[in-house]
Amino acid sequence: MSRAPILRRIASDVPRDEIAFALDGRACTGLEGDTVLAAILVQGERLRESDFSSAPRAGFCLMGACQDCWVQLESGERLRACTTMLVPGMQVVTGMRR
């Protein structure tokens, strides 16, 4: 089931290149300068589900101080989505079906 994105891009006079990445195995694109969190929230309504319940999580502090935005890469490396810049070819795993 497709859900509306939680973030919408605003118009900008600054051109930014698209960056291809995968989100839970699905091909997606973000923009140069996006954090992983921004790139994911432009795709859908949540970042992940809570570790303790099925409650939706979408980041909390947005500056790397809390524990709300942890995701992992396909390699198993964990990262904070709010402070990690999106790079081409990233394979992000949230554990959610999208």
Protein backbone atom coordinates (compact mmCIF):
# COMPACT_ATOMS: atom_id res chain seq x y z
CA MET A 1 0.00 0.00 0.00
CA SER A 2 1.45 3.35 -1.03
CA ARG A 3 1.22 6.14 1.51
CA ALA A 4 1.63 9.86 1.04
CA PRO A 5 5.12 11.18 1.76
CA ILE A 6 5.55 13.05 5.03
CA LEU A 7 7.85 15.65 3.39
CA ARG A 8 7.32 17.59 0.20
CA ARG A 9 10.06 19.41 -1.66
CA ILE A 10 9.73 23.15 -2.10
CA ALA A 11 10.78 25.00 -5.22
CA SER A 12 14.43 25.98 -5.36
CA ASP A 13 16.52 28.05 -7.73
CA VAL A 14 19.52 25.85 -6.95
CA PRO A 15 19.72 22.82 -9.24
CA ARG A 16 20.67 19.58 -7.47
CA ASP A 17 21.62 16.28 -9.05
CA GLU A 18 19.50 13.20 -8.38
CA ILE A 19 21.08 10.42 -6.33
CA ALA A 20 19.96 6.83 -6.85
CA PHE A 21 19.66 4.67 -3.73
CA ALA A 22 17.68 1.65 -2.58
CA LEU A 23 15.20 1.68 0.28
CA ASP A 24 14.25 -1.76 1.54
CA GLY A 25 15.14 -3.17 -1.88
CA ARG A 26 13.13 -0.59 -3.84
CA ALA A 27 14.88 1.79 -6.26
CA CYS A 28 14.50 5.41 -5.14
CA THR A 29 16.06 8.78 -5.79
CA GLY A 30 17.04 11.62 -3.52
CA LEU A 31 18.79 14.89 -4.23
CA GLU A 32 22.37 15.97 -3.73
CA GLY A 33 22.60 17.46 -0.23
CA ASP A 34 19.82 15.29 1.25
CA THR A 35 20.30 13.50 4.52
CA VAL A 36 19.22 9.86 4.52
CA LEU A 37 16.24 10.91 6.67
CA ALA A 38 15.06 13.55 4.20
CA ALA A 39 15.46 11.16 1.25
CA ILE A 40 13.38 8.50 3.02
CA LEU A 41 10.62 10.83 4.23
CA VAL A 42 10.15 12.18 0.71
CA GLN A 43 9.36 8.56 -0.27
CA GLY A 44 6.73 7.81 2.38
CA GLU A 45 5.03 8.60 5.65
CA ARG A 46 7.54 7.12 8.11
CA LEU A 47 11.18 6.30 8.56
CA ARG A 48 10.68 3.02 10.39
CA GLU A 49 8.66 1.40 13.14
CA SER A 50 9.55 1.66 16.82
CA ASP A 51 11.87 -1.01 18.23
CA PHE A 52 9.33 -1.59 21.00
CA SER A 53 5.98 -1.44 19.19
CA SER A 54 4.63 -0.96 15.69
CA ALA A 55 4.34 2.80 16.24
CA PRO A 56 5.58 4.87 13.30
CA ARG A 57 8.84 6.79 13.75
CA ALA A 58 9.98 9.70 11.59
CA GLY A 59 12.88 11.17 13.53
CA PHE A 60 12.63 13.28 16.67
CA CYS A 61 15.47 15.70 17.36
CA LEU A 62 16.80 15.82 13.76
CA MET A 63 20.30 16.64 15.00
CA GLY A 64 21.77 13.30 16.11
CA ALA A 65 21.11 13.62 19.84
CA CYS A 66 18.33 11.05 20.24
CA GLN A 67 18.01 7.42 19.12
CA ASP A 68 14.94 7.76 16.93
CA CYS A 69 16.33 7.67 13.40
CA TRP A 70 18.66 4.66 13.41
CA VAL A 71 18.54 2.63 10.19
CA GLN A 72 21.05 0.27 8.72
CA LEU A 73 22.72 -0.35 5.42
CA GLU A 74 22.48 -3.66 3.60
CA SER A 75 26.05 -4.31 4.83
CA GLY A 76 24.76 -4.25 8.43
CA GLU A 77 26.29 -0.88 9.32
CA ARG A 78 23.94 1.19 11.52
CA LEU A 79 23.67 4.93 11.01
CA ARG A 80 21.69 7.92 12.13
CA ALA A 81 19.54 8.93 9.19
CA CYS A 82 19.25 12.56 10.30
CA THR A 83 22.99 13.29 10.27
CA THR A 84 24.18 11.00 7.46
CA MET A 85 24.33 12.43 3.97
CA LEU A 86 22.83 10.35 1.16
CA VAL A 87 25.42 8.93 -1.23
CA PRO A 88 24.87 7.27 -4.61
CA GLY A 89 24.18 3.55 -4.45
CA MET A 90 23.33 3.47 -0.73
CA GLN A 91 21.30 0.37 0.20
CA VAL A 92 19.17 1.45 3.18
CA VAL A 93 17.27 -1.15 5.21
CA THR A 94 14.52 -0.12 7.61
CA GLY A 95 12.83 -3.51 7.96
CA MET A 96 9.51 -2.11 6.74
CA ARG A 97 7.51 -3.28 3.75
CA ARG A 98 6.93 -0.33 1.45
